[in-house]
Amino acid sequence: MSKSQAYRQQYGFNSIYLLPVNLYGPGDNFDPTSSHVIPALIKRFIDAKHNNEQSVDVWGTGAASREFLYDDAAAHGLVLAAERYNKSEPVNLGSGMEIRIRDLVSLIQELPGFSGEIRWDTSKPDGQPKRSLDVSRARAEFGFEAQMPFKEGLKRTISWYEAHRTEHGRFHEAGDHC
């Protein structure tokens, strides 16, 4: 039983319990020490392209798969759930589309036009073999379906990163006019 279910049962507390899949989009965390897979890969490929590097190193074999959801789509799902869902059973928010990391890497290499080599460091872990969600309850309960095509979401995220990246690979921060 979730806290939402327990609070609803014991106190009549009106709450919902949403579980979003891996999010990505403009304004994401591109810090190489703490970012997730999509922003980390975008940063590596864009920076490598701008620095005329010949290769990009990627961890693992690329065999693992993941599901991703564009951040604006997740926000839309949150609003729909708040307006239309009045139960405490957990609901997954996701795109319903799973992609192998190897295919994700190829796509992120292609979109900004990086023509160098991808070097797979198989001494590093792949992580969990598969991570995707059953999103049928979100569709059935409050009509949520992710509308952003994955490739378009990646293009927008890459464009945002390129617009906010400086020649040194840093970001322009608020008030930073370098």
N, C-alpha and C. Protein backbone atom coordinates (compact mmCIF):
# COMPACT_ATOMS: atom_id res chain seq x y z
N MET A 1 0.85 -1.18 0.00
CA MET A 1 0.00 0.00 0.00
C MET A 1 0.90 1.24 0.00
N SER A 2 0.59 2.20 -0.85
CA SER A 2 1.36 3.44 -0.91
C SER A 2 0.90 4.39 0.19
N LYS A 3 1.70 5.41 0.45
CA LYS A 3 1.30 6.44 1.42
C LYS A 3 0.02 7.10 0.97
N SER A 4 -0.11 7.32 -0.33
CA SER A 4 -1.32 7.94 -0.86
C SER A 4 -2.54 7.10 -0.51
N GLN A 5 -2.42 5.79 -0.73
CA GLN A 5 -3.54 4.91 -0.42
C GLN A 5 -3.83 4.89 1.08
N ALA A 6 -2.78 4.83 1.89
CA ALA A 6 -2.96 4.79 3.35
C ALA A 6 -3.59 6.09 3.86
N TYR A 7 -3.11 7.25 3.40
CA TYR A 7 -3.67 8.53 3.84
C TYR A 7 -5.11 8.69 3.39
N ARG A 8 -5.40 8.24 2.17
CA ARG A 8 -6.76 8.32 1.67
C ARG A 8 -7.68 7.46 2.53
N GLN A 9 -7.23 6.24 2.84
CA GLN A 9 -8.02 5.30 3.62
C GLN A 9 -8.21 5.78 5.06
N GLN A 10 -7.12 6.23 5.69
CA GLN A 10 -7.19 6.58 7.11
C GLN A 10 -7.75 7.98 7.36
N TYR A 11 -7.38 8.95 6.51
CA TYR A 11 -7.75 10.35 6.79
C TYR A 11 -8.67 10.97 5.74
N GLY A 12 -8.97 10.25 4.68
CA GLY A 12 -9.77 10.83 3.60
C GLY A 12 -8.97 11.85 2.79
N PHE A 13 -7.66 11.76 2.87
CA PHE A 13 -6.75 12.70 2.18
C PHE A 13 -6.81 12.47 0.67
N ASN A 14 -7.13 13.50 -0.07
CA ASN A 14 -7.24 13.39 -1.52
C ASN A 14 -5.85 13.56 -2.13
N SER A 15 -5.31 12.45 -2.61
CA SER A 15 -3.97 12.51 -3.22
C SER A 15 -3.91 11.54 -4.38
N ILE A 16 -2.95 11.77 -5.25
CA ILE A 16 -2.69 10.86 -6.35
C ILE A 16 -1.22 10.49 -6.31
N TYR A 17 -0.89 9.36 -6.92
CA TYR A 17 0.46 8.82 -6.86
C TYR A 17 0.92 8.54 -8.29
N LEU A 18 1.77 9.41 -8.83
CA LEU A 18 2.26 9.29 -10.20
C LEU A 18 3.73 8.91 -10.20
N LEU A 19 4.09 8.04 -11.13
CA LEU A 19 5.47 7.56 -11.25
C LEU A 19 5.97 7.85 -12.67
N PRO A 20 6.65 8.97 -12.85
CA PRO A 20 7.16 9.27 -14.20
C PRO A 20 8.41 8.46 -14.52
N VAL A 21 8.55 8.11 -15.78
CA VAL A 21 9.73 7.44 -16.28
C VAL A 21 10.86 8.46 -16.39
N ASN A 22 12.01 8.10 -16.92
CA ASN A 22 13.15 9.01 -17.09
C ASN A 22 12.74 10.22 -17.93
N LEU A 23 12.91 11.40 -17.37
CA LEU A 23 12.54 12.64 -18.06
C LEU A 23 13.75 13.25 -18.77
N TYR A 24 13.48 14.00 -19.83
CA TYR A 24 14.52 14.74 -20.54
C TYR A 24 13.88 15.96 -21.17
N GLY A 25 14.70 16.94 -21.53
CA GLY A 25 14.19 18.11 -22.24
C GLY A 25 15.07 19.32 -22.03
N PRO A 26 14.70 20.43 -22.68
CA PRO A 26 15.46 21.68 -22.52
C PRO A 26 15.57 22.06 -21.04
N GLY A 27 16.73 22.56 -20.67
CA GLY A 27 16.96 22.96 -19.29
C GLY A 27 17.35 21.81 -18.38
N ASP A 28 17.57 20.65 -18.95
CA ASP A 28 17.95 19.46 -18.19
C ASP A 28 19.29 19.70 -17.49
N ASN A 29 19.69 18.77 -16.66
CA ASN A 29 20.98 18.82 -15.97
C ASN A 29 22.05 18.23 -16.88
N PHE A 30 22.93 19.07 -17.40
CA PHE A 30 24.00 18.63 -18.29
C PHE A 30 25.34 18.51 -17.59
N ASP A 31 25.36 18.58 -16.27
CA ASP A 31 26.59 18.44 -15.51
C ASP A 31 27.09 17.00 -15.65
N PRO A 32 28.31 16.80 -16.16
CA PRO A 32 28.79 15.44 -16.40
C PRO A 32 28.94 14.58 -15.15
N THR A 33 28.96 15.19 -13.98
CA THR A 33 29.09 14.40 -12.75
C THR A 33 27.75 13.95 -12.19
N SER A 34 26.64 14.53 -12.68
CA SER A 34 25.35 14.18 -12.08
C SER A 34 24.19 14.05 -13.08
N SER A 35 24.47 14.19 -14.37
CA SER A 35 23.38 14.13 -15.35
C SER A 35 22.96 12.70 -15.63
N HIS A 36 21.79 12.58 -16.24
CA HIS A 36 21.29 11.27 -16.65
C HIS A 36 21.71 11.02 -18.09
N VAL A 37 21.31 9.89 -18.65
CA VAL A 37 21.87 9.42 -19.91
C VAL A 37 21.67 10.38 -21.09
N ILE A 38 20.48 10.90 -21.31
CA ILE A 38 20.26 11.75 -22.49
C ILE A 38 21.08 13.04 -22.40
N PRO A 39 20.99 13.82 -21.34
CA PRO A 39 21.81 15.04 -21.31
C PRO A 39 23.31 14.74 -21.31
N ALA A 40 23.72 13.65 -20.68
CA ALA A 40 25.15 13.29 -20.67
C ALA A 40 25.63 13.00 -22.09
N LEU A 41 24.84 12.25 -22.85
CA LEU A 41 25.23 11.94 -24.23
C LEU A 41 25.20 13.18 -25.11
N ILE A 42 24.18 14.00 -24.97
CA ILE A 42 24.11 15.24 -25.77
C ILE A 42 25.34 16.08 -25.51
N LYS A 43 25.69 16.27 -24.26
CA LYS A 43 26.87 17.08 -23.92
C LYS A 43 28.13 16.49 -24.56
N ARG A 44 28.31 15.18 -24.43
CA ARG A 44 29.51 14.55 -24.99
C ARG A 44 29.60 14.76 -26.49
N PHE A 45 28.51 14.51 -27.21
CA PHE A 45 28.56 14.61 -28.67
C PHE A 45 28.68 16.05 -29.16
N ILE A 46 27.96 16.97 -28.56
CA ILE A 46 28.05 18.38 -28.97
C ILE A 46 29.43 18.93 -28.65
N ASP A 47 29.91 18.67 -27.45
CA ASP A 47 31.24 19.16 -27.08
C ASP A 47 32.32 18.55 -27.97
N ALA A 48 32.19 17.25 -28.28
CA ALA A 48 33.17 16.59 -29.16
C ALA A 48 33.14 17.22 -30.55
N LYS A 49 31.96 17.52 -31.04
CA LYS A 49 31.84 18.16 -32.36
C LYS A 49 32.50 19.54 -32.36
N HIS A 50 32.20 20.33 -31.35
CA HIS A 50 32.75 21.69 -31.27
C HIS A 50 34.26 21.69 -31.03
N ASN A 51 34.78 20.65 -30.40
CA ASN A 51 36.21 20.55 -30.12
C ASN A 51 36.96 19.74 -31.18
N ASN A 52 36.27 19.40 -32.26
CA ASN A 52 36.86 18.62 -33.36
C ASN A 52 37.49 17.31 -32.88
N GLU A 53 36.86 16.67 -31.91
CA GLU A 53 37.34 15.38 -31.43
C GLU A 53 36.95 14.29 -32.42
N GLN A 54 37.73 13.23 -32.44
CA GLN A 54 37.52 12.15 -33.40
C GLN A 54 36.64 11.02 -32.87
N SER A 55 36.39 11.01 -31.54
CA SER A 55 35.61 9.92 -30.97
C SER A 55 34.92 10.38 -29.69
N VAL A 56 33.92 9.59 -29.32
CA VAL A 56 33.21 9.79 -28.05
C VAL A 56 33.15 8.43 -27.36
N ASP A 57 33.50 8.41 -26.08
CA ASP A 57 33.44 7.19 -25.28
C ASP A 57 32.07 7.07 -24.63
N VAL A 58 31.51 5.86 -24.70
CA VAL A 58 30.21 5.58 -24.12
C VAL A 58 30.33 4.31 -23.27
N TRP A 59 29.72 4.34 -22.09
CA TRP A 59 29.79 3.20 -21.18
C TRP A 59 28.95 2.03 -21.65
N GLY A 60 29.42 0.82 -21.38
CA GLY A 60 28.65 -0.40 -21.56
C GLY A 60 28.67 -0.92 -22.99
N THR A 61 27.69 -1.78 -23.26
CA THR A 61 27.57 -2.40 -24.59
C THR A 61 26.49 -1.76 -25.43
N GLY A 62 25.59 -1.02 -24.80
CA GLY A 62 24.46 -0.41 -25.51
C GLY A 62 23.26 -1.34 -25.62
N ALA A 63 23.35 -2.51 -25.01
CA ALA A 63 22.26 -3.49 -25.12
C ALA A 63 21.07 -3.17 -24.22
N ALA A 64 21.29 -2.44 -23.14
CA ALA A 64 20.19 -2.11 -22.24
C ALA A 64 19.18 -1.22 -22.95
N SER A 65 17.95 -1.21 -22.48
CA SER A 65 16.92 -0.36 -23.07
C SER A 65 16.28 0.51 -21.99
N ARG A 66 15.78 1.64 -22.41
CA ARG A 66 15.14 2.59 -21.50
C ARG A 66 13.93 3.22 -22.18
N GLU A 67 13.07 3.76 -21.35
CA GLU A 67 11.93 4.55 -21.81
C GLU A 67 12.16 5.97 -21.31
N PHE A 68 11.82 6.95 -22.14
CA PHE A 68 12.01 8.35 -21.79
C PHE A 68 10.73 9.13 -22.05
N LEU A 69 10.56 10.22 -21.32
CA LEU A 69 9.41 11.09 -21.49
C LEU A 69 9.88 12.53 -21.51
N TYR A 70 9.47 13.25 -22.53
CA TYR A 70 9.80 14.67 -22.67
C TYR A 70 9.18 15.44 -21.50
N ASP A 71 9.92 16.38 -20.93
CA ASP A 71 9.48 17.03 -19.70
C ASP A 71 8.15 17.78 -19.84
N ASP A 72 7.89 18.43 -20.98
CA ASP A 72 6.60 19.11 -21.18
C ASP A 72 5.45 18.11 -21.21
N ALA A 73 5.70 16.94 -21.77
CA ALA A 73 4.68 15.89 -21.79
C ALA A 73 4.39 15.42 -20.37
N ALA A 74 5.42 15.30 -19.56
CA ALA A 74 5.22 14.91 -18.16
C ALA A 74 4.40 15.96 -17.42
N ALA A 75 4.70 17.23 -17.66
CA ALA A 75 3.92 18.30 -17.02
C ALA A 75 2.46 18.22 -17.43
N HIS A 76 2.21 17.96 -18.70
CA HIS A 76 0.84 17.80 -19.19
C HIS A 76 0.16 16.63 -18.49
N GLY A 77 0.88 15.52 -18.33
CA GLY A 77 0.33 14.37 -17.63
C GLY A 77 -0.01 14.68 -16.18
N LEU A 78 0.83 15.45 -15.51
CA LEU A 78 0.56 15.84 -14.13
C LEU A 78 -0.73 16.65 -14.03
N VAL A 79 -0.90 17.59 -14.96
CA VAL A 79 -2.10 18.43 -14.96
C VAL A 79 -3.34 17.58 -15.23
N LEU A 80 -3.26 16.71 -16.24
CA LEU A 80 -4.40 15.83 -16.54
C LEU A 80 -4.77 14.99 -15.33
N ALA A 81 -3.78 14.42 -14.68
CA ALA A 81 -4.04 13.58 -13.52
C ALA A 81 -4.68 14.39 -12.40
N ALA A 82 -4.17 15.59 -12.14
CA ALA A 82 -4.73 16.43 -11.08
C ALA A 82 -6.19 16.80 -11.37
N GLU A 83 -6.50 17.00 -12.64
CA GLU A 83 -7.86 17.40 -13.02
C GLU A 83 -8.83 16.22 -13.10
N ARG A 84 -8.34 15.04 -13.52
CA ARG A 84 -9.25 13.96 -13.89
C ARG A 84 -9.13 12.67 -13.07
N TYR A 85 -8.10 12.55 -12.27
CA TYR A 85 -7.86 11.28 -11.57
C TYR A 85 -8.10 11.46 -10.09
N ASN A 86 -8.97 10.63 -9.52
CA ASN A 86 -9.30 10.77 -8.11
C ASN A 86 -9.19 9.42 -7.41
N LYS A 87 -8.07 8.76 -7.60
CA LYS A 87 -7.80 7.48 -6.96
C LYS A 87 -6.37 7.51 -6.44
N SER A 88 -6.06 6.58 -5.55
CA SER A 88 -4.70 6.58 -5.01
C SER A 88 -3.86 5.43 -5.56
N GLU A 89 -4.40 4.62 -6.48
CA GLU A 89 -3.58 3.59 -7.10
C GLU A 89 -2.48 4.25 -7.92
N PRO A 90 -1.25 3.74 -7.84
CA PRO A 90 -0.15 4.34 -8.59
C PRO A 90 -0.41 4.32 -10.10
N VAL A 91 0.05 5.38 -10.75
CA VAL A 91 -0.09 5.49 -12.21
C VAL A 91 1.27 5.85 -12.80
N ASN A 92 1.70 5.04 -13.76
CA ASN A 92 2.95 5.32 -14.46
C ASN A 92 2.72 6.36 -15.54
N LEU A 93 3.63 7.33 -15.63
CA LEU A 93 3.63 8.30 -16.73
C LEU A 93 4.84 8.00 -17.59
N GLY A 94 4.60 7.71 -18.84
CA GLY A 94 5.69 7.42 -19.75
C GLY A 94 5.24 7.60 -21.18
N SER A 95 6.16 7.36 -22.08
CA SER A 95 5.88 7.53 -23.51
C SER A 95 5.34 6.25 -24.13
N GLY A 96 5.57 5.13 -23.46
CA GLY A 96 5.19 3.85 -24.05
C GLY A 96 6.15 3.38 -25.12
N MET A 97 7.27 4.10 -25.29
CA MET A 97 8.27 3.75 -26.30
C MET A 97 9.59 3.43 -25.61
N GLU A 98 10.13 2.30 -25.94
CA GLU A 98 11.40 1.86 -25.35
C GLU A 98 12.47 1.90 -26.45
N ILE A 99 13.69 2.28 -26.07
CA ILE A 99 14.78 2.36 -27.05
C ILE A 99 16.04 1.75 -26.43
N ARG A 100 16.77 0.99 -27.23
CA ARG A 100 18.06 0.46 -26.77
C ARG A 100 19.05 1.63 -26.68
N ILE A 101 19.92 1.56 -25.71
CA ILE A 101 20.93 2.62 -25.53
C ILE A 101 21.78 2.74 -26.79
N ARG A 102 22.10 1.65 -27.44
CA ARG A 102 22.89 1.69 -28.67
C ARG A 102 22.18 2.54 -29.74
N ASP A 103 20.86 2.39 -29.86
CA ASP A 103 20.09 3.17 -30.83
C ASP A 103 19.98 4.63 -30.41
N LEU A 104 19.84 4.86 -29.11
CA LEU A 104 19.81 6.22 -28.58
C LEU A 104 21.12 6.94 -28.89
N VAL A 105 22.24 6.27 -28.66
CA VAL A 105 23.55 6.85 -28.93
C VAL A 105 23.68 7.20 -30.41
N SER A 106 23.27 6.31 -31.29
CA SER A 106 23.34 6.58 -32.73
C SER A 106 22.51 7.79 -33.11
N LEU A 107 21.32 7.90 -32.53
CA LEU A 107 20.44 9.03 -32.82
C LEU A 107 21.05 10.34 -32.33
N ILE A 108 21.58 10.34 -31.11
CA ILE A 108 22.18 11.56 -30.57
C ILE A 108 23.47 11.90 -31.31
N GLN A 109 24.15 10.94 -31.85
CA GLN A 109 25.32 11.21 -32.69
C GLN A 109 24.89 11.86 -34.00
N GLU A 110 23.83 11.33 -34.59
CA GLU A 110 23.36 11.78 -35.90
C GLU A 110 22.76 13.19 -35.88
N LEU A 111 21.92 13.49 -34.90
CA LEU A 111 21.15 14.74 -34.91
C LEU A 111 22.03 16.00 -34.98
N PRO A 112 23.08 16.12 -34.18
CA PRO A 112 23.92 17.31 -34.30
C PRO A 112 25.01 17.18 -35.37
N GLY A 113 25.09 16.01 -36.01
CA GLY A 113 26.05 15.82 -37.09
C GLY A 113 27.46 15.49 -36.65
N PHE A 114 27.61 14.74 -35.56
CA PHE A 114 28.94 14.30 -35.14
C PHE A 114 29.32 13.10 -35.99
N SER A 115 30.44 13.19 -36.71
CA SER A 115 30.83 12.12 -37.63
C SER A 115 31.96 11.24 -37.10
N GLY A 116 32.36 11.47 -35.87
CA GLY A 116 33.45 10.67 -35.31
C GLY A 116 33.00 9.29 -34.88
N GLU A 117 33.93 8.59 -34.28
CA GLU A 117 33.72 7.20 -33.86
C GLU A 117 33.08 7.14 -32.47
N ILE A 118 32.26 6.13 -32.26
CA ILE A 118 31.74 5.83 -30.93
C ILE A 118 32.57 4.68 -30.39
N ARG A 119 33.17 4.88 -29.21
CA ARG A 119 33.97 3.83 -28.59
C ARG A 119 33.23 3.33 -27.36
N TRP A 120 32.78 2.08 -27.42
CA TRP A 120 32.04 1.46 -26.33
C TRP A 120 33.01 0.92 -25.30
N ASP A 121 32.92 1.40 -24.08
CA ASP A 121 33.76 0.93 -22.99
C ASP A 121 33.02 -0.19 -22.26
N THR A 122 33.24 -1.41 -22.73
CA THR A 122 32.51 -2.56 -22.19
C THR A 122 33.00 -2.97 -20.80
N SER A 123 34.04 -2.30 -20.29
CA SER A 123 34.45 -2.56 -18.92
C SER A 123 33.52 -1.83 -17.94
N LYS A 124 32.73 -0.91 -18.45
CA LYS A 124 31.77 -0.16 -17.63
C LYS A 124 30.41 -0.86 -17.71
N PRO A 125 29.58 -0.68 -16.69
CA PRO A 125 28.30 -1.40 -16.64
C PRO A 125 27.25 -0.84 -17.61
N ASP A 126 26.35 -1.73 -18.03
CA ASP A 126 25.18 -1.35 -18.81
C ASP A 126 24.06 -0.85 -17.91
N GLY A 127 24.09 -1.24 -16.64
CA GLY A 127 22.99 -0.95 -15.75
C GLY A 127 21.89 -1.98 -15.92
N GLN A 128 20.75 -1.67 -15.38
CA GLN A 128 19.60 -2.56 -15.48
C GLN A 128 19.32 -2.88 -16.95
N PRO A 129 19.09 -4.15 -17.31
CA PRO A 129 18.92 -4.51 -18.72
C PRO A 129 17.74 -3.83 -19.42
N LYS A 130 16.66 -3.61 -18.70
CA LYS A 130 15.46 -3.04 -19.31
C LYS A 130 14.74 -2.18 -18.28
N ARG A 131 14.31 -1.01 -18.71
CA ARG A 131 13.55 -0.14 -17.82
C ARG A 131 12.48 0.57 -18.64
N SER A 132 11.26 0.06 -18.54
CA SER A 132 10.12 0.68 -19.21
C SER A 132 8.89 0.44 -18.34
N LEU A 133 7.84 1.22 -18.59
CA LEU A 133 6.65 1.17 -17.76
C LEU A 133 5.42 0.77 -18.54
N ASP A 134 4.46 0.20 -17.85
CA ASP A 134 3.14 -0.02 -18.41
C ASP A 134 2.36 1.27 -18.18
N VAL A 135 2.06 1.98 -19.24
CA VAL A 135 1.40 3.29 -19.13
C VAL A 135 -0.09 3.22 -19.46
N SER A 136 -0.64 2.02 -19.53
CA SER A 136 -2.04 1.86 -19.92
C SER A 136 -3.01 2.49 -18.91
N ARG A 137 -2.67 2.49 -17.63
CA ARG A 137 -3.58 3.08 -16.63
C ARG A 137 -3.71 4.59 -16.84
N ALA A 138 -2.63 5.28 -17.18
CA ALA A 138 -2.69 6.73 -17.43
C ALA A 138 -3.61 7.02 -18.62
N ARG A 139 -3.51 6.20 -19.63
CA ARG A 139 -4.36 6.36 -20.81
C ARG A 139 -5.83 6.11 -20.45
N ALA A 140 -6.08 5.03 -19.74
CA ALA A 140 -7.45 4.65 -19.40
C ALA A 140 -8.10 5.57 -18.38
N GLU A 141 -7.34 5.98 -17.37
CA GLU A 141 -7.91 6.74 -16.25
C GLU A 141 -8.07 8.24 -16.53
N PHE A 142 -7.10 8.82 -17.25
CA PHE A 142 -7.22 10.27 -17.48
C PHE A 142 -6.76 10.71 -18.87
N GLY A 143 -6.70 9.78 -19.79
CA GLY A 143 -6.48 10.12 -21.20
C GLY A 143 -5.08 10.59 -21.54
N PHE A 144 -4.08 10.22 -20.74
CA PHE A 144 -2.73 10.69 -21.04
C PHE A 144 -2.04 9.81 -22.06
N GLU A 145 -1.54 10.44 -23.09
CA GLU A 145 -0.63 9.82 -24.05
C GLU A 145 0.41 10.87 -24.41
N ALA A 146 1.66 10.49 -24.35
CA ALA A 146 2.74 11.42 -24.69
C ALA A 146 2.61 11.84 -26.15
N GLN A 147 2.62 13.13 -26.40
CA GLN A 147 2.42 13.64 -27.75
C GLN A 147 3.72 14.00 -28.47
N MET A 148 4.80 14.21 -27.71
CA MET A 148 6.05 14.63 -28.33
C MET A 148 6.77 13.43 -28.95
N PRO A 149 6.95 13.44 -30.27
CA PRO A 149 7.75 12.37 -30.88
C PRO A 149 9.17 12.41 -30.31
N PHE A 150 9.72 11.24 -30.05
CA PHE A 150 11.01 11.14 -29.37
C PHE A 150 12.11 11.92 -30.10
N LYS A 151 12.21 11.74 -31.41
CA LYS A 151 13.26 12.41 -32.18
C LYS A 151 13.10 13.93 -32.10
N GLU A 152 11.88 14.42 -32.14
CA GLU A 152 11.64 15.87 -32.04
C GLU A 152 12.03 16.38 -30.65
N GLY A 153 11.72 15.63 -29.62
CA GLY A 153 12.12 16.01 -28.26
C GLY A 153 13.63 16.08 -28.12
N LEU A 154 14.32 15.12 -28.74
CA LEU A 154 15.79 15.16 -28.73
C LEU A 154 16.31 16.38 -29.46
N LYS A 155 15.73 16.69 -30.63
CA LYS A 155 16.16 17.87 -31.39
C LYS A 155 16.01 19.14 -30.55
N ARG A 156 14.89 19.28 -29.87
CA ARG A 156 14.65 20.47 -29.05
C ARG A 156 15.64 20.54 -27.89
N THR A 157 15.94 19.40 -27.29
CA THR A 157 16.88 19.37 -26.17
C THR A 157 18.29 19.69 -26.66
N ILE A 158 18.67 19.16 -27.79
CA ILE A 158 19.99 19.45 -28.38
C ILE A 158 20.08 20.93 -28.73
N SER A 159 19.05 21.48 -29.34
CA SER A 159 19.04 22.91 -29.69
C SER A 159 19.19 23.78 -28.44
N TRP A 160 18.50 23.40 -27.38
CA TRP A 160 18.60 24.17 -26.15
C TRP A 160 20.04 24.12 -25.62
N TYR A 161 20.61 22.93 -25.61
CA TYR A 161 21.98 22.81 -25.11
C TYR A 161 22.94 23.64 -25.95
N GLU A 162 22.81 23.56 -27.26
CA GLU A 162 23.70 24.33 -28.14
C GLU A 162 23.54 25.83 -27.92
N ALA A 163 22.32 26.29 -27.68
CA ALA A 163 22.08 27.71 -27.47
C ALA A 163 22.63 28.21 -26.13
N HIS A 164 22.77 27.32 -25.17
CA HIS A 164 23.22 27.73 -23.84
C HIS A 164 24.65 27.32 -23.53
N ARG A 165 25.29 26.68 -24.46
CA ARG A 165 26.67 26.24 -24.29
C ARG A 165 27.59 27.37 -24.74
N THR A 166 28.66 27.60 -24.02
CA THR A 166 29.65 28.58 -24.46
C THR A 166 30.75 27.84 -25.19
N GLU A 167 31.69 28.57 -25.72
CA GLU A 167 32.81 27.94 -26.44
C GLU A 167 33.68 27.08 -25.52
N HIS A 168 33.53 27.22 -24.22
CA HIS A 168 34.31 26.42 -23.28
C HIS A 168 33.51 25.24 -22.73
N GLY A 169 32.30 25.02 -23.26
CA GLY A 169 31.49 23.91 -22.79
C GLY A 169 30.73 24.23 -21.51
N ARG A 170 30.83 25.49 -21.04
CA ARG A 170 30.07 25.90 -19.86
C ARG A 170 28.71 26.41 -20.31
N PHE A 171 27.87 26.71 -19.37
CA PHE A 171 26.56 27.28 -19.65
C PHE A 171 26.56 28.74 -19.30
N HIS A 172 25.74 29.49 -20.04
CA HIS A 172 25.46 30.87 -19.63
C HIS A 172 24.49 30.80 -18.47
N GLU A 173 24.87 31.31 -17.34
CA GLU A 173 24.00 31.36 -16.17
C GLU A 173 23.32 32.73 -16.16
N ALA A 174 22.27 32.85 -15.40
CA ALA A 174 21.58 34.12 -15.26
C ALA A 174 22.60 35.16 -14.79
N GLY A 175 22.68 36.26 -15.47
CA GLY A 175 23.60 37.32 -15.10
C GLY A 175 25.01 37.11 -15.63
N ASP A 176 25.30 35.98 -16.26
CA ASP A 176 26.63 35.68 -16.79
C ASP A 176 26.67 36.18 -18.23
N HIS A 177 27.45 37.19 -18.49
CA HIS A 177 27.48 37.80 -19.82
C HIS A 177 28.81 37.61 -20.52
N CYS A 178 29.45 36.47 -20.29
CA CYS A 178 30.76 36.25 -20.91
C CYS A 178 30.63 35.85 -22.36
